[in-house]
N, C-alpha and C. Protein backbone atom coordinates (compact mmCIF):
# COMPACT_ATOMS: atom_id res chain seq x y z
N MET A 1 16.19 -260.55 74.98
CA MET A 1 15.94 -259.16 75.24
C MET A 1 17.23 -258.50 74.88
N GLN A 2 18.45 -259.28 74.62
CA GLN A 2 19.53 -258.12 73.70
C GLN A 2 18.69 -257.99 72.62
N THR A 3 18.14 -258.96 71.45
CA THR A 3 17.84 -258.22 70.85
C THR A 3 16.93 -257.18 70.37
N GLN A 4 15.94 -257.05 71.41
CA GLN A 4 15.09 -255.99 71.58
C GLN A 4 15.89 -254.94 71.90
N ILE A 5 16.90 -254.89 72.64
CA ILE A 5 17.62 -253.70 72.81
C ILE A 5 18.52 -253.07 71.62
N VAL A 6 18.89 -254.43 70.84
CA VAL A 6 19.89 -253.73 69.80
C VAL A 6 19.04 -253.34 69.13
N ASP A 7 17.62 -253.65 68.57
CA ASP A 7 16.53 -253.33 67.60
C ASP A 7 16.03 -251.67 67.84
N VAL A 8 15.87 -251.21 69.29
CA VAL A 8 15.95 -250.23 69.50
C VAL A 8 16.90 -249.05 69.66
N LEU A 9 17.99 -249.57 69.53
CA LEU A 9 19.29 -249.10 69.37
C LEU A 9 19.43 -248.49 68.05
N ALA A 10 19.17 -249.48 67.25
CA ALA A 10 19.58 -249.39 66.12
C ALA A 10 18.50 -248.51 65.29
N MET A 11 17.18 -248.34 65.70
CA MET A 11 16.25 -247.59 65.37
C MET A 11 16.54 -246.03 65.71
N VAL A 12 16.67 -245.98 66.90
CA VAL A 12 17.34 -244.59 67.52
C VAL A 12 18.17 -244.12 67.01
N HIS A 13 19.51 -244.84 66.57
CA HIS A 13 20.51 -244.47 65.92
C HIS A 13 20.35 -243.87 63.93
N LEU A 14 19.36 -244.71 63.37
CA LEU A 14 18.67 -244.45 62.40
C LEU A 14 18.07 -243.08 62.17
N MET A 15 17.15 -243.04 63.04
CA MET A 15 16.43 -241.70 62.84
C MET A 15 17.30 -240.58 63.47
N VAL A 16 18.32 -240.48 64.12
CA VAL A 16 19.20 -239.56 64.45
C VAL A 16 20.11 -239.55 63.27
N LEU A 17 20.61 -240.50 62.59
CA LEU A 17 21.49 -240.39 61.30
C LEU A 17 20.77 -239.56 60.25
N SER A 18 19.24 -240.04 60.09
CA SER A 18 18.51 -239.51 59.41
C SER A 18 18.14 -237.96 59.10
N LEU A 19 18.26 -237.64 60.40
CA LEU A 19 17.97 -235.96 60.92
C LEU A 19 19.28 -235.16 60.72
N TRP A 20 20.34 -236.08 60.76
CA TRP A 20 21.87 -235.34 60.59
C TRP A 20 21.92 -235.16 59.22
N GLY A 21 21.90 -236.44 58.21
CA GLY A 21 21.68 -236.22 56.99
C GLY A 21 20.99 -235.19 56.39
N GLY A 22 19.50 -234.62 56.93
CA GLY A 22 18.96 -233.81 56.46
C GLY A 22 19.49 -232.42 56.57
N VAL A 23 19.70 -232.26 57.57
CA VAL A 23 20.82 -230.96 58.11
C VAL A 23 21.91 -231.04 57.50
N VAL A 24 22.44 -231.93 56.85
CA VAL A 24 23.86 -231.46 56.01
C VAL A 24 23.46 -231.44 54.53
N ALA A 25 22.36 -231.95 54.40
CA ALA A 25 21.90 -231.73 53.10
C ALA A 25 21.49 -230.50 53.08
N THR A 26 20.71 -229.91 54.07
CA THR A 26 20.35 -228.81 54.03
C THR A 26 21.57 -227.66 53.99
N GLU A 27 22.82 -227.67 54.66
CA GLU A 27 23.73 -227.20 54.64
C GLU A 27 24.51 -227.01 53.42
N ALA A 28 24.43 -228.15 52.76
CA ALA A 28 24.83 -227.82 51.28
C ALA A 28 24.35 -226.88 50.61
N VAL A 29 23.13 -226.72 50.58
CA VAL A 29 22.22 -226.18 49.34
C VAL A 29 22.73 -224.35 49.92
N VAL A 30 22.92 -224.08 51.42
CA VAL A 30 22.90 -222.82 52.16
C VAL A 30 24.25 -222.50 51.38
N GLU A 31 25.50 -223.25 51.17
CA GLU A 31 26.76 -223.63 50.78
C GLU A 31 26.95 -223.56 49.39
N VAL A 32 25.79 -223.74 48.71
CA VAL A 32 26.37 -223.73 47.08
C VAL A 32 25.77 -222.29 46.65
N VAL A 33 24.67 -221.74 47.33
CA VAL A 33 23.82 -220.74 46.78
C VAL A 33 24.87 -219.48 46.43
N PRO A 34 25.84 -219.44 47.46
CA PRO A 34 26.57 -218.28 47.40
C PRO A 34 27.54 -218.24 46.31
N PHE A 35 27.76 -219.35 45.64
CA PHE A 35 28.87 -219.33 44.40
C PHE A 35 27.94 -219.01 43.00
N ARG A 36 26.61 -218.99 43.19
CA ARG A 36 25.77 -218.16 42.07
C ARG A 36 25.14 -216.72 42.38
N ARG A 37 25.07 -216.80 43.79
CA ARG A 37 25.00 -215.34 44.39
C ARG A 37 25.88 -214.61 45.54
N PRO A 38 26.78 -214.18 45.10
CA PRO A 38 27.87 -214.08 46.07
C PRO A 38 27.36 -212.37 47.17
N GLU A 39 26.53 -212.29 46.66
CA GLU A 39 25.69 -211.28 47.64
C GLU A 39 25.02 -211.89 48.97
N LEU A 40 25.17 -213.10 48.54
CA LEU A 40 24.46 -213.89 50.17
C LEU A 40 25.45 -214.84 50.85
N HIS A 41 26.73 -214.51 50.53
CA HIS A 41 28.00 -215.45 51.25
C HIS A 41 27.76 -214.75 52.52
N ALA A 42 27.47 -213.62 52.92
CA ALA A 42 27.66 -213.19 54.70
C ALA A 42 26.58 -213.90 55.24
N ALA A 43 25.28 -213.85 54.36
CA ALA A 43 24.00 -214.68 55.09
C ALA A 43 24.03 -216.14 55.16
N ALA A 44 24.73 -216.72 53.93
CA ALA A 44 24.94 -218.13 54.11
C ALA A 44 26.02 -218.66 55.22
N ILE A 45 26.89 -217.78 55.45
CA ILE A 45 27.80 -218.02 56.62
C ILE A 45 27.13 -217.63 58.12
N ARG A 46 26.43 -216.89 58.04
CA ARG A 46 25.71 -216.64 59.50
C ARG A 46 24.52 -217.79 59.72
N PHE A 47 23.79 -218.17 58.72
CA PHE A 47 22.99 -219.22 58.43
C PHE A 47 23.63 -220.62 59.21
N HIS A 48 24.57 -220.83 58.54
CA HIS A 48 25.54 -222.15 58.59
C HIS A 48 25.81 -222.06 60.18
N TYR A 49 26.24 -221.17 60.42
CA TYR A 49 27.05 -221.01 61.74
C TYR A 49 26.02 -221.34 63.01
N TRP A 50 25.18 -220.97 62.96
CA TRP A 50 24.16 -221.32 63.93
C TRP A 50 23.39 -222.59 63.65
N ILE A 51 23.12 -222.75 62.69
CA ILE A 51 22.52 -224.19 62.31
C ILE A 51 23.72 -225.19 63.02
N ASP A 52 24.80 -225.09 62.89
CA ASP A 52 25.73 -226.06 63.36
C ASP A 52 25.76 -225.88 64.88
N LEU A 53 25.94 -224.80 65.50
CA LEU A 53 25.48 -224.86 66.68
C LEU A 53 24.61 -225.31 67.65
N LEU A 54 23.19 -224.85 67.01
CA LEU A 54 21.81 -225.39 67.43
C LEU A 54 21.53 -226.49 67.04
N VAL A 55 21.91 -227.16 65.97
CA VAL A 55 20.98 -228.24 65.41
C VAL A 55 22.40 -229.17 65.31
N GLU A 56 22.84 -229.28 64.37
CA GLU A 56 24.11 -229.90 64.20
C GLU A 56 24.88 -230.42 64.82
N LEU A 57 25.51 -229.84 65.71
CA LEU A 57 26.58 -230.42 66.54
C LEU A 57 25.60 -231.12 67.81
N PRO A 58 24.73 -231.05 68.33
CA PRO A 58 23.77 -231.82 69.11
C PRO A 58 23.19 -233.19 68.51
N LEU A 59 23.10 -233.20 67.05
CA LEU A 59 22.85 -234.46 66.51
C LEU A 59 23.78 -235.07 65.97
N VAL A 60 25.45 -234.79 66.00
CA VAL A 60 26.43 -235.40 65.82
C VAL A 60 26.54 -236.21 67.39
N VAL A 61 26.62 -235.47 68.33
CA VAL A 61 26.78 -236.07 69.66
C VAL A 61 25.80 -236.90 69.69
N ALA A 62 24.57 -236.66 69.40
CA ALA A 62 23.31 -238.33 69.55
C ALA A 62 23.79 -239.49 68.77
N VAL A 63 24.53 -238.98 67.64
CA VAL A 63 24.97 -239.80 66.70
C VAL A 63 26.16 -241.03 67.20
N ILE A 64 27.03 -239.93 67.98
CA ILE A 64 27.94 -240.79 68.44
C ILE A 64 27.39 -241.79 69.61
N ALA A 65 26.64 -241.07 70.72
CA ALA A 65 26.41 -241.87 71.67
C ALA A 65 25.48 -243.12 71.22
N THR A 66 24.87 -243.09 70.48
CA THR A 66 23.87 -244.09 69.73
C THR A 66 24.61 -245.22 69.27
N GLY A 67 25.75 -244.51 68.35
CA GLY A 67 26.65 -245.38 67.67
C GLY A 67 27.34 -246.26 68.49
N VAL A 68 28.14 -245.82 69.51
CA VAL A 68 28.69 -246.42 70.64
C VAL A 68 27.87 -247.39 71.35
N ALA A 69 26.81 -246.77 72.00
CA ALA A 69 26.02 -248.22 72.70
C ALA A 69 25.13 -249.30 71.93
N LEU A 70 25.33 -248.85 70.50
CA LEU A 70 24.92 -249.93 69.57
C LEU A 70 26.15 -250.74 69.33
N ALA A 71 26.99 -250.32 69.27
CA ALA A 71 28.25 -251.27 69.09
C ALA A 71 28.56 -252.08 70.40
N LEU A 72 28.49 -251.39 71.89
CA LEU A 72 28.68 -252.02 72.82
C LEU A 72 27.83 -252.79 73.11
N SER A 73 26.70 -252.70 72.77
CA SER A 73 25.47 -253.89 72.70
C SER A 73 25.38 -255.16 72.18
N ILE A 74 26.38 -255.28 70.96
CA ILE A 74 26.53 -256.40 70.14
C ILE A 74 27.33 -257.66 70.92
N ASP A 75 27.11 -258.94 70.61
CA ASP A 75 27.92 -259.45 71.37
C ASP A 75 29.20 -259.74 70.83
N HIS A 76 29.13 -259.67 69.15
CA HIS A 76 30.55 -259.95 68.31
C HIS A 76 30.24 -258.96 67.25
N LEU A 77 31.27 -258.31 67.11
CA LEU A 77 31.67 -257.40 66.09
C LEU A 77 32.45 -257.79 64.95
N SER A 78 31.94 -258.37 63.97
CA SER A 78 32.85 -258.59 62.94
C SER A 78 33.55 -257.63 62.30
N GLY A 79 34.50 -258.06 61.36
CA GLY A 79 35.25 -257.45 60.59
C GLY A 79 34.68 -256.18 59.83
N LEU A 80 33.37 -256.74 59.21
CA LEU A 80 32.58 -255.40 58.80
C LEU A 80 32.29 -254.58 59.60
N HIS A 81 31.63 -255.21 60.91
CA HIS A 81 31.05 -254.23 61.71
C HIS A 81 32.37 -253.09 62.07
N ILE A 82 33.37 -253.61 61.93
CA ILE A 82 34.70 -252.64 62.52
C ILE A 82 34.82 -251.70 61.20
N ILE A 83 34.69 -252.15 60.09
CA ILE A 83 34.76 -251.14 59.06
C ILE A 83 33.89 -250.19 58.67
N LYS A 84 32.55 -250.62 58.98
CA LYS A 84 31.39 -249.86 59.08
C LYS A 84 31.83 -248.63 60.19
N ILE A 85 32.07 -248.80 61.41
CA ILE A 85 32.30 -247.83 62.46
C ILE A 85 33.51 -247.22 62.20
N LEU A 86 34.58 -247.47 61.20
CA LEU A 86 35.70 -246.38 60.88
C LEU A 86 35.00 -245.75 59.90
N PHE A 87 33.89 -246.12 58.88
CA PHE A 87 33.72 -245.21 58.04
C PHE A 87 32.86 -244.19 58.39
N GLY A 88 32.09 -244.75 59.35
CA GLY A 88 30.98 -243.70 60.36
C GLY A 88 31.95 -242.82 61.11
N ALA A 89 32.97 -243.18 61.63
CA ALA A 89 33.80 -242.23 62.50
C ALA A 89 34.22 -241.46 61.66
N THR A 90 34.96 -241.57 60.37
CA THR A 90 35.39 -241.09 59.50
C THR A 90 34.39 -239.76 59.00
N ALA A 91 33.00 -239.93 58.78
CA ALA A 91 32.14 -239.01 58.63
C ALA A 91 32.25 -237.98 59.72
N VAL A 92 31.82 -238.76 60.91
CA VAL A 92 31.68 -237.96 62.42
C VAL A 92 32.96 -237.32 62.13
N THR A 93 34.36 -237.45 61.97
CA THR A 93 35.41 -236.75 62.39
C THR A 93 35.38 -235.38 61.22
N VAL A 94 35.26 -235.72 60.07
CA VAL A 94 35.09 -234.63 58.76
C VAL A 94 33.90 -233.44 59.16
N ASN A 95 32.89 -234.28 59.61
CA ASN A 95 31.80 -233.01 59.93
C ASN A 95 32.23 -232.36 61.32
N LEU A 96 32.98 -232.77 61.90
CA LEU A 96 33.36 -232.16 63.39
C LEU A 96 34.74 -231.13 62.70
N PHE A 97 35.10 -231.19 61.98
CA PHE A 97 36.05 -230.93 61.45
C PHE A 97 35.46 -229.34 60.60
N CYS A 98 34.43 -229.82 59.97
CA CYS A 98 33.86 -228.77 59.08
C CYS A 98 33.50 -227.79 60.23
N ILE A 99 32.65 -228.39 61.34
CA ILE A 99 32.03 -227.63 62.34
C ILE A 99 33.19 -226.50 62.58
N LEU A 100 34.05 -226.86 63.14
CA LEU A 100 35.34 -226.16 63.36
C LEU A 100 35.48 -225.05 62.52
N VAL A 101 35.39 -225.26 61.16
CA VAL A 101 35.65 -224.20 60.25
C VAL A 101 34.59 -223.43 59.97
N VAL A 102 33.18 -223.82 60.15
CA VAL A 102 32.51 -222.87 60.02
C VAL A 102 32.19 -222.08 61.00
N VAL A 103 32.63 -222.44 62.67
CA VAL A 103 32.57 -221.71 63.47
C VAL A 103 33.52 -220.59 63.69
N ARG A 104 34.63 -221.09 63.16
CA ARG A 104 35.91 -219.88 62.80
C ARG A 104 35.80 -219.10 61.77
N ARG A 105 34.87 -219.72 60.45
CA ARG A 105 34.23 -218.37 59.37
C ARG A 105 33.80 -217.56 59.81
N GLY A 106 32.63 -217.96 60.68
CA GLY A 106 31.23 -217.07 61.41
C GLY A 106 32.25 -216.05 62.52
N ARG A 107 32.87 -216.65 62.76
CA ARG A 107 33.86 -215.46 63.86
C ARG A 107 34.38 -214.54 63.07
N HIS A 108 34.93 -214.77 61.93
CA HIS A 108 35.85 -214.13 61.01
C HIS A 108 34.95 -212.88 60.66
N LEU A 109 33.61 -213.52 60.12
CA LEU A 109 32.55 -212.48 59.41
C LEU A 109 32.06 -211.30 60.76
N ASP A 110 32.15 -212.09 61.91
CA ASP A 110 31.43 -211.01 62.79
C ASP A 110 32.82 -210.35 63.15
N ARG A 111 33.81 -210.52 62.92
CA ARG A 111 35.12 -209.40 63.05
C ARG A 111 35.00 -208.27 61.87
N GLY A 112 34.31 -208.50 60.77
CA GLY A 112 34.35 -207.61 59.95
C GLY A 112 35.19 -208.15 58.74
N GLU A 113 35.71 -209.54 58.96
CA GLU A 113 36.48 -209.57 57.80
C GLU A 113 35.99 -210.12 56.65
N SER A 114 36.48 -210.15 55.29
CA SER A 114 35.85 -210.35 54.30
C SER A 114 36.77 -210.76 53.23
N GLY A 115 36.38 -211.09 51.83
CA GLY A 115 37.10 -211.61 50.76
C GLY A 115 37.46 -213.00 50.87
N GLU A 116 38.58 -213.03 50.43
CA GLU A 116 38.98 -214.36 49.96
C GLU A 116 39.26 -215.40 50.80
N PRO A 117 39.72 -214.94 52.12
CA PRO A 117 39.83 -216.09 53.35
C PRO A 117 38.24 -216.50 53.48
N LEU A 118 37.44 -215.81 53.49
CA LEU A 118 35.90 -216.41 53.98
C LEU A 118 35.60 -217.23 52.50
N TRP A 119 36.05 -216.94 51.80
CA TRP A 119 35.53 -217.94 50.07
C TRP A 119 36.33 -219.26 50.14
N ARG A 120 37.53 -219.01 50.79
CA ARG A 120 38.43 -220.14 50.61
C ARG A 120 37.90 -221.33 52.05
N ALA A 121 37.64 -220.88 53.23
CA ALA A 121 36.65 -221.57 53.84
C ALA A 121 35.40 -222.10 53.42
N SER A 122 34.52 -221.38 52.63
CA SER A 122 33.53 -221.93 51.79
C SER A 122 33.78 -223.16 50.88
N ARG A 123 35.04 -222.78 50.38
CA ARG A 123 35.20 -224.39 49.55
C ARG A 123 35.62 -225.37 50.68
N ILE A 124 36.35 -225.27 51.56
CA ILE A 124 36.85 -226.22 52.51
C ILE A 124 35.44 -227.13 53.21
N VAL A 125 34.45 -226.01 53.40
CA VAL A 125 33.06 -226.78 53.67
C VAL A 125 32.75 -227.58 52.55
N LEU A 126 32.48 -227.23 51.45
CA LEU A 126 32.11 -227.83 50.46
C LEU A 126 33.08 -229.29 50.03
N GLY A 127 34.16 -229.06 50.37
CA GLY A 127 35.13 -230.22 50.12
C GLY A 127 34.81 -231.27 51.30
N CYS A 128 34.54 -230.70 52.50
CA CYS A 128 34.25 -231.67 53.70
C CYS A 128 32.93 -232.35 53.46
N PHE A 129 31.78 -232.00 52.83
CA PHE A 129 30.71 -232.46 52.37
C PHE A 129 30.94 -233.26 51.61
N ALA A 130 31.63 -233.14 50.60
CA ALA A 130 31.92 -234.64 49.75
C ALA A 130 32.39 -235.52 50.23
N ALA A 131 33.58 -235.24 51.17
CA ALA A 131 34.28 -236.58 51.70
C ALA A 131 33.59 -237.02 53.04
N GLY A 132 32.91 -236.39 53.50
CA GLY A 132 32.02 -237.02 54.71
C GLY A 132 30.72 -237.64 53.96
N LEU A 133 30.29 -237.18 53.00
CA LEU A 133 29.21 -237.97 51.99
C LEU A 133 29.79 -239.27 51.54
N LEU A 134 30.99 -239.45 51.16
CA LEU A 134 31.67 -240.57 50.75
C LEU A 134 31.36 -241.80 51.87
N ALA A 135 32.01 -241.29 52.90
CA ALA A 135 32.43 -241.92 54.24
C ALA A 135 31.07 -242.64 54.85
N ALA A 136 30.01 -241.41 54.89
CA ALA A 136 28.76 -241.75 55.12
C ALA A 136 28.13 -242.91 54.38
N ALA A 137 27.84 -242.81 53.02
CA ALA A 137 27.53 -243.46 52.04
C ALA A 137 28.28 -244.91 52.26
N ALA A 138 29.22 -244.83 52.52
CA ALA A 138 29.90 -246.84 52.75
C ALA A 138 29.45 -247.05 53.96
N ALA A 139 29.40 -246.39 55.27
CA ALA A 139 28.69 -246.85 56.59
C ALA A 139 27.32 -247.01 56.40
N ALA A 140 26.43 -246.04 55.60
CA ALA A 140 25.13 -246.44 55.35
C ALA A 140 24.69 -247.93 54.46
N THR A 141 25.86 -248.12 53.82
CA THR A 141 25.55 -249.41 52.80
C THR A 141 25.57 -250.41 53.91
N LEU A 142 26.77 -250.67 54.74
CA LEU A 142 26.91 -251.46 55.31
C LEU A 142 25.70 -251.70 56.61
N GLY A 143 25.38 -250.57 57.01
CA GLY A 143 24.50 -250.54 58.19
C GLY A 143 23.22 -251.29 57.88
N PHE A 144 22.64 -250.69 56.36
CA PHE A 144 21.97 -251.31 56.02
C PHE A 144 21.89 -253.11 55.42
N ARG A 145 22.97 -253.33 55.10
CA ARG A 145 23.36 -255.20 55.00
C ARG A 145 23.09 -255.52 56.31
N PHE A 146 23.52 -254.81 57.71
CA PHE A 146 23.10 -255.55 58.81
C PHE A 146 21.85 -255.38 59.14
N ALA A 147 21.05 -254.07 59.10
CA ALA A 147 19.89 -254.23 59.01
C ALA A 147 18.93 -255.31 58.12
N MET A 148 19.45 -255.55 57.23
CA MET A 148 18.48 -256.78 56.58
C MET A 148 18.85 -258.02 57.23
N GLU A 149 19.97 -258.34 57.47
CA GLU A 149 20.25 -259.62 58.09
C GLU A 149 19.82 -259.65 59.56
N ARG A 150 19.46 -258.60 60.10
CA ARG A 150 18.69 -258.55 61.35
C ARG A 150 17.20 -259.05 60.99
N LEU A 151 16.66 -258.76 60.05
CA LEU A 151 15.21 -258.65 59.49
C LEU A 151 15.04 -260.26 58.88
N GLY A 152 15.94 -260.66 58.38
CA GLY A 152 15.76 -262.21 57.92
C GLY A 152 15.69 -262.22 56.80
């Protein structure tokens, strides 16, 4: 029975992670475009703001919930499990920080601010994407290894 629960939790976790990854990839495109077409910067800020609040933040919460449930349902967490959890927690932490930057930047734009502070925030968002991607890739690599072990 426990194996079935772990399998279901792992599948739900993987689905939520996949959705989150798709959203992050889309946001990366939204963030890169204004560096080629500066007139789209304000639109990108607004799009990313609403994507974060309405889509990404709920997905991150779901990733955390399913990840915690999965970790608690496993009888023994090995050292590699702990490392995977740390990489995943790093990706989540970087992403939550990025959401804060995006929301703050959006509010600055709504107050009529413009110029270098908004561009600086956009560069921070891209830096978060790079750092989060590295941590997520490490967690995913270990996650796939664990999945392959379960499949035999």
